[in-house]
Amino acid sequence: MITDALAPFLDELLAFRRDIHAHPELSYAETRTTDRILERLEAAGLAPRRLEGTGVVCDIGVGPVALGLRADIDALPVDDETDTPFTSTVPGVAHACGHDVHLSALLGAALVLHRMDTVGGVPGGLGGRVRVVFQPAEEVTPGGALKVIGQGVLDDVPQVFALHCDPNVDVGKVGSRIGPITAAGDTLVIRLTGHGGHTSRPHLTEDLVYALGKLATDLPAVLSRLIDPRHAISLVWGEISAGHAPNVVPNEGLLQGTLRCLDTAGWNRAAEVLPDLVERIAGPYGVSVDLEHRRGVPPVVNTEPQVMLVETAVRGELGPDSVELTPQSMGGEDFAWYLTHCPGALVRLGTRTPGGRTYDIHQGDYLVDERAVPTGVRVFVATALAALTERSAGTVAPVG
């Protein structure tokens, strides 16, 4: 049923994805992308609404909202290193995370669901509403999701679903899991200042290089003893810098890294203890400490009923072997903010050609097997139809 309804749109959706890939736009600057989505939904007879700035929200069907479907639309500040006819035309900007696939799949889902509701395919129409959300600025912290939620997009949504490209999964398959699937992600910046001097007289200085070294090694170690190890907390440094000469104790130093955690309670606990820990570790060396803890996003924690709904729907649509258990990722994803408002699930959409190369996201050479676009449409639509069926059966409690 879904395949038949999708067939008239398939070539168009692939062309749409290639056009978006060739014209990527960074977070909060997705003006052309937003316009293209609006134009196509309006041409189909739908009534989409431009979100504040960029992004689109649109309802399909009538009656109570049964679910929300979300796709992100921004690109990354990296060079496109792919050699395709639709390589990015914007220097230094590329869809290296697959958001062009996400939004094209969601656009296709909207068109298919609208066709089913108005032309046929579902007797009596959908029997409820599906809200599709094309969200800007997933790639910046704390993410465009907060701005979307602040505009009331989730106020009457009982559950929400999303997918994300995964080059470790073969095209035609979906990765899924109950519970944490991505991690909280924060940035730590620690600046030390102190009285420097000659390395022959360290007792007359405030040796901030030594203090930086202690922080770099001791802070992750102490955190691992204060936070429940089941929360999988990880503090990893990306920059440590101070001084320019081997015989001079400098006056300033810098330490930067990321803090990640698979549990919201552990994430919050780390935020509570970090200021005191930093002061206690650096304190014996007399340096002045400035800690900047930039909170990012919470972990994405998939709820069991929604995971079961997606998995059942996907197996029914793509086949009994189409769902595999996906590992947890320590990367961040601002879809987590949606799940602080209602239950839901994020699943992984396979983009690897079977037997082909395994790429990595956020890399300029990331290539997608384009069969992922119609697969994504089918995943979205099958999930929507399953949720609508549950709603009509009265098995999903209404919001409020």
Protein backbone atom coordinates (compact mmCIF):
# COMPACT_ATOMS: atom_id res chain seq x y z
CA MET A 1 0.00 0.00 0.00
CA ILE A 2 2.73 2.49 0.94
CA THR A 3 4.92 1.51 -2.01
CA ASP A 4 2.06 2.12 -4.45
CA ALA A 5 1.28 5.50 -2.91
CA LEU A 6 4.98 6.45 -2.98
CA ALA A 7 5.65 5.46 -6.60
CA PRO A 8 4.35 8.71 -8.22
CA PHE A 9 6.68 10.78 -6.01
CA LEU A 10 9.86 8.71 -6.07
CA ASP A 11 11.76 10.40 -8.91
CA GLU A 12 10.73 13.82 -7.64
CA LEU A 13 11.95 13.08 -4.11
CA LEU A 14 15.35 11.94 -5.33
CA ALA A 15 15.65 15.11 -7.42
CA PHE A 16 14.54 17.15 -4.41
CA ARG A 17 17.18 15.55 -2.21
CA ARG A 18 19.88 16.23 -4.80
CA ASP A 19 18.82 19.86 -5.10
CA ILE A 20 18.96 20.34 -1.33
CA HIS A 21 22.34 18.59 -1.21
CA ALA A 22 23.68 20.94 -3.87
CA HIS A 23 22.42 24.01 -1.97
CA PRO A 24 23.16 23.34 1.72
CA GLU A 25 22.49 25.99 4.35
CA LEU A 26 23.86 26.33 7.86
CA SER A 27 21.86 26.43 11.10
CA TYR A 28 19.22 29.19 11.28
CA ALA A 29 20.08 30.20 7.70
CA GLU A 30 18.00 27.49 5.96
CA THR A 31 15.94 30.05 4.02
CA ARG A 32 16.02 28.43 0.58
CA THR A 33 15.49 24.99 2.08
CA THR A 34 12.46 26.26 4.01
CA ASP A 35 11.04 27.91 0.90
CA ARG A 36 11.41 24.73 -1.14
CA ILE A 37 9.61 22.64 1.48
CA LEU A 38 6.81 25.20 1.81
CA GLU A 39 6.33 25.43 -1.96
CA ARG A 40 6.01 21.67 -2.41
CA LEU A 41 3.60 21.18 0.48
CA GLU A 42 1.45 24.08 -0.70
CA ALA A 43 1.46 22.69 -4.25
CA ALA A 44 0.04 19.45 -2.83
CA GLY A 45 -2.89 21.36 -1.34
CA LEU A 46 -1.64 21.32 2.24
CA ALA A 47 -1.41 24.32 4.57
CA PRO A 48 2.13 24.41 5.95
CA ARG A 49 3.30 27.13 8.31
CA ARG A 50 6.72 28.74 8.32
CA LEU A 51 8.24 28.65 11.77
CA GLU A 52 9.84 31.75 13.22
CA GLY A 53 12.89 32.36 11.05
CA THR A 54 13.32 29.02 9.31
CA GLY A 55 11.66 25.63 9.47
CA VAL A 56 8.18 24.34 8.62
CA VAL A 57 5.33 22.64 10.43
CA CYS A 58 2.33 21.08 8.67
CA ASP A 59 -0.63 18.92 9.68
CA ILE A 60 -2.03 16.15 7.48
CA GLY A 61 -5.53 14.84 8.10
CA VAL A 62 -8.22 16.00 10.52
CA GLY A 63 -9.11 15.25 14.09
CA PRO A 64 -6.80 14.82 17.08
CA VAL A 65 -3.05 14.68 16.52
CA ALA A 66 -1.88 11.08 16.72
CA LEU A 67 1.86 11.75 16.42
CA GLY A 68 4.57 14.10 15.29
CA LEU A 69 7.28 13.27 12.76
CA ARG A 70 10.44 15.37 12.79
CA ALA A 71 13.32 15.92 10.39
CA ASP A 72 16.24 18.34 10.71
CA ILE A 73 17.17 20.53 7.75
CA ASP A 74 20.53 22.24 8.39
CA ALA A 75 23.94 21.43 6.95
CA LEU A 76 27.46 21.44 8.39
CA PRO A 77 30.40 23.86 7.97
CA VAL A 78 32.60 21.34 6.12
CA ASP A 79 33.77 21.06 2.52
CA ASP A 80 31.87 18.63 0.30
CA GLU A 81 34.46 16.14 -0.93
CA THR A 82 32.04 13.94 -2.86
CA ASP A 83 32.36 13.75 -6.61
CA THR A 84 28.75 13.72 -7.72
CA PRO A 85 26.68 15.82 -10.15
CA PHE A 86 24.96 17.33 -7.11
CA THR A 87 28.01 18.12 -4.99
CA SER A 88 27.56 21.22 -2.82
CA THR A 89 27.77 24.49 -4.68
CA VAL A 90 28.43 26.38 -1.43
CA PRO A 91 32.11 26.43 -0.42
CA GLY A 92 32.68 25.17 3.10
CA VAL A 93 29.11 23.92 3.59
CA ALA A 94 27.82 20.38 3.04
CA HIS A 95 25.06 17.98 4.02
CA ALA A 96 27.60 15.67 5.66
CA CYS A 97 25.16 14.35 8.27
CA GLY A 98 22.33 13.24 6.00
CA HIS A 99 19.80 15.92 6.89
CA ASP A 100 19.01 16.25 3.20
CA VAL A 101 17.89 12.61 3.33
CA HIS A 102 15.88 13.15 6.51
CA LEU A 103 13.93 16.12 5.16
CA SER A 104 13.34 14.51 1.76
CA ALA A 105 11.99 11.38 3.45
CA LEU A 106 9.69 13.45 5.64
CA LEU A 107 8.51 15.49 2.67
CA GLY A 108 7.73 12.24 0.87
CA ALA A 109 5.89 10.95 3.92
CA ALA A 110 3.77 14.09 4.03
CA LEU A 111 2.88 13.75 0.35
CA VAL A 112 2.09 10.03 0.67
CA LEU A 113 -0.04 10.50 3.79
CA HIS A 114 -1.92 13.37 2.14
CA ARG A 115 -2.55 11.23 -0.93
CA MET A 116 -3.82 8.40 1.26
CA ASP A 117 -6.09 10.80 3.13
CA THR A 118 -7.61 12.52 0.12
CA VAL A 119 -7.24 10.30 -2.94
CA GLY A 120 -7.53 6.90 -1.33
CA GLY A 121 -5.45 4.23 0.25
CA VAL A 122 -6.92 4.49 3.73
CA PRO A 123 -10.70 3.91 3.79
CA GLY A 124 -12.38 6.95 5.31
CA GLY A 125 -9.12 8.90 5.43
CA LEU A 126 -6.38 8.82 8.03
CA GLY A 127 -8.74 9.15 10.97
CA GLY A 128 -6.52 11.65 12.74
CA ARG A 129 -3.76 14.14 12.20
CA VAL A 130 -0.07 13.67 11.58
CA ARG A 131 2.14 16.67 12.31
CA VAL A 132 5.34 16.92 10.31
CA VAL A 133 8.09 19.19 11.63
CA PHE A 134 11.02 20.34 9.51
CA GLN A 135 13.34 21.65 12.20
CA PRO A 136 16.21 24.09 11.76
CA ALA A 137 19.55 24.18 13.55
CA GLU A 138 20.09 20.70 14.92
CA GLU A 139 23.83 21.07 14.46
CA VAL A 140 24.30 23.89 16.98
CA THR A 141 24.02 23.77 20.76
CA PRO A 142 21.55 23.63 22.45
CA GLY A 143 19.71 23.05 19.17
CA GLY A 144 16.81 24.45 17.20
CA ALA A 145 14.43 21.98 18.85
CA LEU A 146 14.01 24.35 21.80
CA LYS A 147 12.93 27.18 19.52
CA VAL A 148 10.45 24.90 17.74
CA ILE A 149 8.99 23.62 21.01
CA GLY A 150 8.73 27.20 22.27
CA GLN A 151 6.37 27.94 19.38
CA GLY A 152 3.86 25.38 20.67
CA VAL A 153 4.53 22.74 18.03
CA LEU A 154 4.33 19.90 20.57
CA ASP A 155 1.51 21.27 22.73
CA ASP A 156 -1.06 18.73 21.48
CA VAL A 157 1.32 15.99 20.27
CA PRO A 158 1.09 12.74 22.29
CA GLN A 159 4.20 11.10 20.82
CA VAL A 160 6.96 12.01 18.39
CA PHE A 161 9.31 10.10 16.09
CA ALA A 162 12.45 10.82 14.09
CA LEU A 163 15.11 8.98 12.11
CA HIS A 164 18.79 9.62 11.55
CA CYS A 165 21.06 8.35 8.80
CA ASP A 166 23.51 5.65 9.88
CA PRO A 167 26.32 4.66 7.50
CA ASN A 168 27.01 1.59 9.67
CA VAL A 169 23.63 0.08 8.76
CA ASP A 170 22.78 -1.31 5.31
CA VAL A 171 20.19 0.51 3.28
CA GLY A 172 16.77 -1.09 3.69
CA LYS A 173 17.35 -1.71 7.38
CA VAL A 174 16.67 0.28 10.53
CA GLY A 175 18.61 0.35 13.80
CA SER A 176 16.61 0.68 16.99
CA ARG A 177 16.86 0.32 20.76
CA ILE A 178 14.85 1.01 23.91
CA GLY A 179 16.30 3.54 26.37
CA PRO A 180 19.27 5.83 25.79
CA ILE A 181 20.36 5.86 22.16
CA THR A 182 22.44 9.07 22.19
CA ALA A 183 24.23 10.92 24.95
CA ALA A 184 24.04 14.28 26.63
CA GLY A 185 26.75 16.52 25.25
CA ASP A 186 28.32 19.53 27.01
CA THR A 187 31.40 21.65 26.44
CA LEU A 188 33.83 22.44 29.26
CA VAL A 189 36.22 25.39 29.03
CA ILE A 190 38.63 25.89 31.94
CA ARG A 191 40.84 28.99 31.99
CA LEU A 192 43.64 29.29 34.53
CA THR A 193 45.56 32.43 35.40
CA GLY A 194 48.43 32.87 37.82
CA HIS A 195 51.76 34.46 38.54
CA GLY A 196 54.31 32.99 36.17
CA GLY A 197 58.06 33.04 36.27
CA HIS A 198 61.22 31.06 35.60
CA THR A 199 61.05 27.27 35.60
CA SER A 200 64.15 27.21 37.82
CA ARG A 201 62.06 28.76 40.60
CA PRO A 202 58.65 27.03 40.45
CA HIS A 203 58.14 27.67 44.17
CA LEU A 204 57.92 31.38 43.38
CA THR A 205 55.26 30.88 40.72
CA GLU A 206 51.71 29.65 40.48
CA ASP A 207 52.50 26.73 38.20
CA LEU A 208 49.39 26.63 36.08
CA VAL A 209 50.89 24.19 33.55
CA TYR A 210 51.16 21.61 36.31
CA ALA A 211 47.65 22.54 37.46
CA LEU A 212 46.34 22.06 33.92
CA GLY A 213 47.93 18.63 33.83
CA LYS A 214 46.32 17.66 37.11
CA LEU A 215 42.92 18.84 35.88
CA ALA A 216 43.34 16.98 32.59
CA THR A 217 44.03 13.68 34.36
CA ASP A 218 42.29 13.96 37.74
CA LEU A 219 38.98 15.54 36.78
CA PRO A 220 37.81 12.66 34.53
CA ALA A 221 39.07 10.16 37.12
CA VAL A 222 37.25 11.77 40.05
CA LEU A 223 34.05 12.14 38.06
CA SER A 224 34.15 8.42 37.31
CA ARG A 225 34.12 7.77 41.07
CA LEU A 226 31.38 10.25 41.94
CA ILE A 227 28.92 9.38 39.15
CA ASP A 228 27.20 6.00 38.89
CA PRO A 229 29.18 4.08 36.22
CA ARG A 230 25.89 2.89 34.73
CA HIS A 231 25.39 6.46 33.53
CA ALA A 232 28.39 6.05 31.20
CA ILE A 233 29.87 9.48 31.79
CA SER A 234 32.79 10.47 29.57
CA LEU A 235 34.99 13.56 29.88
CA VAL A 236 37.51 13.87 27.04
CA TRP A 237 39.79 16.82 26.37
CA GLY A 238 40.27 18.28 22.91
CA GLU A 239 42.63 21.17 23.71
CA ILE A 240 45.22 21.95 26.35
CA SER A 241 47.42 24.99 25.84
CA ALA A 242 49.73 27.21 27.85
CA GLY A 243 53.03 28.94 27.29
CA HIS A 244 55.50 29.17 24.43
CA ALA A 245 58.95 28.54 25.97
CA PRO A 246 60.44 25.56 27.82
CA ASN A 247 61.89 27.66 30.64
CA VAL A 248 58.98 29.99 31.36
CA VAL A 249 56.00 29.28 33.60
CA PRO A 250 53.18 31.11 31.77
CA ASN A 251 50.51 33.37 33.24
CA GLU A 252 47.57 31.83 31.38
CA GLY A 253 46.39 28.39 30.32
CA LEU A 254 43.38 26.77 28.69
CA LEU A 255 41.72 23.35 28.83
CA GLN A 256 38.73 22.46 26.63
CA GLY A 257 36.79 19.26 26.21
CA THR A 258 33.42 17.55 26.03
CA LEU A 259 31.36 15.92 28.75
CA ARG A 260 28.98 13.17 27.61
CA CYS A 261 26.54 11.00 29.53
CA LEU A 262 23.83 8.45 28.69
CA ASP A 263 21.62 9.27 31.66
CA THR A 264 19.85 12.52 32.53
CA ALA A 265 20.36 12.05 36.27
CA GLY A 266 24.08 11.52 35.79
CA TRP A 267 24.24 14.51 33.45
CA ASN A 268 22.62 16.73 36.08
CA ARG A 269 24.78 15.32 38.87
CA ALA A 270 27.95 16.11 36.94
CA ALA A 271 26.84 19.72 36.52
CA GLU A 272 26.37 19.98 40.29
CA VAL A 273 29.79 18.65 41.31
CA LEU A 274 32.04 20.06 38.56
CA PRO A 275 32.62 23.60 39.95
CA ASP A 276 33.76 22.31 43.35
CA LEU A 277 35.91 19.56 41.84
CA VAL A 278 37.74 21.97 39.53
CA GLU A 279 38.49 24.33 42.41
CA ARG A 280 39.68 21.53 44.69
CA ILE A 281 42.01 20.01 42.09
CA ALA A 282 43.54 23.33 41.01
CA GLY A 283 43.44 24.95 44.45
CA PRO A 284 46.79 23.68 45.84
CA TYR A 285 48.65 25.46 43.04
CA GLY A 286 47.27 28.92 43.84
CA VAL A 287 45.93 29.59 40.37
CA SER A 288 42.71 31.42 39.61
CA VAL A 289 40.11 29.23 37.91
CA ASP A 290 37.34 30.18 35.50
CA LEU A 291 35.06 27.26 34.58
CA GLU A 292 32.65 27.67 31.69
CA HIS A 293 30.25 24.74 31.51
CA ARG A 294 28.18 25.06 28.33
CA ARG A 295 25.19 22.77 28.73
CA GLY A 296 24.25 21.04 25.51
CA VAL A 297 21.43 18.57 24.99
CA PRO A 298 20.09 15.77 27.20
CA PRO A 299 20.41 12.15 26.10
CA VAL A 300 17.80 10.80 23.70
CA VAL A 301 15.95 8.20 25.75
CA ASN A 302 13.59 6.13 23.58
CA THR A 303 10.43 5.02 25.37
CA GLU A 304 9.48 1.36 25.09
CA PRO A 305 5.91 1.65 23.70
CA GLN A 306 7.08 3.98 20.93
CA VAL A 307 10.06 1.77 20.04
CA MET A 308 7.77 -1.25 19.86
CA LEU A 309 5.36 0.69 17.64
CA VAL A 310 8.12 1.68 15.21
CA GLU A 311 9.72 -1.75 15.12
CA THR A 312 6.41 -3.51 14.48
CA ALA A 313 5.51 -1.02 11.78
CA VAL A 314 8.91 -1.27 10.08
CA ARG A 315 8.97 -5.07 10.12
CA GLY A 316 5.49 -5.10 8.62
CA GLU A 317 6.58 -2.71 5.86
CA LEU A 318 10.22 -3.64 5.14
CA GLY A 319 10.29 -7.28 6.22
CA PRO A 320 10.90 -9.36 9.36
CA ASP A 321 14.69 -8.92 9.24
CA SER A 322 14.65 -5.16 8.64
CA VAL A 323 15.23 -4.09 12.26
CA GLU A 324 18.49 -4.57 14.12
CA LEU A 325 19.67 -3.54 17.57
CA THR A 326 21.74 -0.39 17.25
CA PRO A 327 24.54 0.47 19.70
CA GLN A 328 24.33 3.51 21.90
CA SER A 329 26.09 6.59 20.58
CA MET A 330 27.99 9.10 22.68
CA GLY A 331 27.07 11.77 20.15
CA GLY A 332 24.37 14.35 20.90
CA GLU A 333 21.04 14.93 19.16
CA ASP A 334 18.62 17.73 20.00
CA PHE A 335 15.64 15.45 19.36
CA ALA A 336 16.20 14.78 23.07
CA TRP A 337 14.37 18.03 23.87
CA TYR A 338 11.20 16.71 22.21
CA LEU A 339 11.29 13.71 24.52
CA THR A 340 11.23 15.99 27.56
CA HIS A 341 7.71 16.98 26.44
CA CYS A 342 6.24 13.70 25.20
CA PRO A 343 7.33 10.08 24.67
CA GLY A 344 8.89 9.05 21.40
CA ALA A 345 11.67 7.28 19.58
CA LEU A 346 14.63 8.00 17.31
CA VAL A 347 15.70 5.20 14.96
CA ARG A 348 18.69 4.76 12.67
CA LEU A 349 18.12 4.72 8.90
CA GLY A 350 20.62 2.57 7.02
CA THR A 351 22.51 4.39 4.25
CA ARG A 352 25.30 1.91 3.46
CA THR A 353 25.26 -0.02 0.20
CA PRO A 354 25.39 -3.70 1.20
CA GLY A 355 28.97 -4.85 0.80
CA GLY A 356 30.11 -1.30 0.18
CA ARG A 357 32.25 1.15 2.07
CA THR A 358 31.31 2.24 5.57
CA TYR A 359 31.51 6.03 5.66
CA ASP A 360 31.34 8.32 8.68
CA ILE A 361 28.98 11.21 9.26
CA HIS A 362 30.28 14.76 9.64
CA GLN A 363 32.91 13.97 7.03
CA GLY A 364 33.01 15.69 3.66
CA ASP A 365 33.20 12.42 1.73
CA TYR A 366 30.01 10.93 3.23
CA LEU A 367 28.02 9.24 0.46
CA VAL A 368 24.50 7.93 0.90
CA ASP A 369 22.88 5.07 -0.96
CA GLU A 370 19.87 7.00 -2.25
CA ARG A 371 17.56 4.05 -1.72
CA ALA A 372 17.56 5.37 1.85
CA VAL A 373 15.17 8.14 0.78
CA PRO A 374 12.21 5.89 -0.17
CA THR A 375 13.06 3.63 2.75
CA GLY A 376 12.82 6.62 5.07
CA VAL A 377 9.46 7.55 3.56
CA ARG A 378 8.17 4.05 4.20
CA VAL A 379 9.46 4.09 7.80
CA PHE A 380 7.78 7.41 8.51
CA VAL A 381 4.48 6.46 6.85
CA ALA A 382 4.30 2.99 8.39
CA THR A 383 4.93 4.51 11.83
CA ALA A 384 2.24 7.12 11.25
CA LEU A 385 -0.33 4.58 10.12
CA ALA A 386 0.43 2.39 13.14
CA ALA A 387 0.01 5.34 15.50
CA LEU A 388 -3.23 6.38 13.80
CA THR A 389 -4.55 2.85 14.16
CA GLU A 390 -3.68 2.88 17.87
CA ARG A 391 -5.36 6.25 18.28
CA SER A 392 -8.57 5.08 16.60
CA ALA A 393 -8.53 1.97 18.78
CA GLY A 394 -8.24 4.15 21.87
CA THR A 395 -4.96 2.68 23.04
CA VAL A 396 -3.11 6.01 23.15
CA ALA A 397 -4.18 8.47 25.84
CA PRO A 398 -4.89 11.98 24.50
CA VAL A 399 -2.62 14.85 25.55
CA GLY A 400 -3.93 16.81 28.50
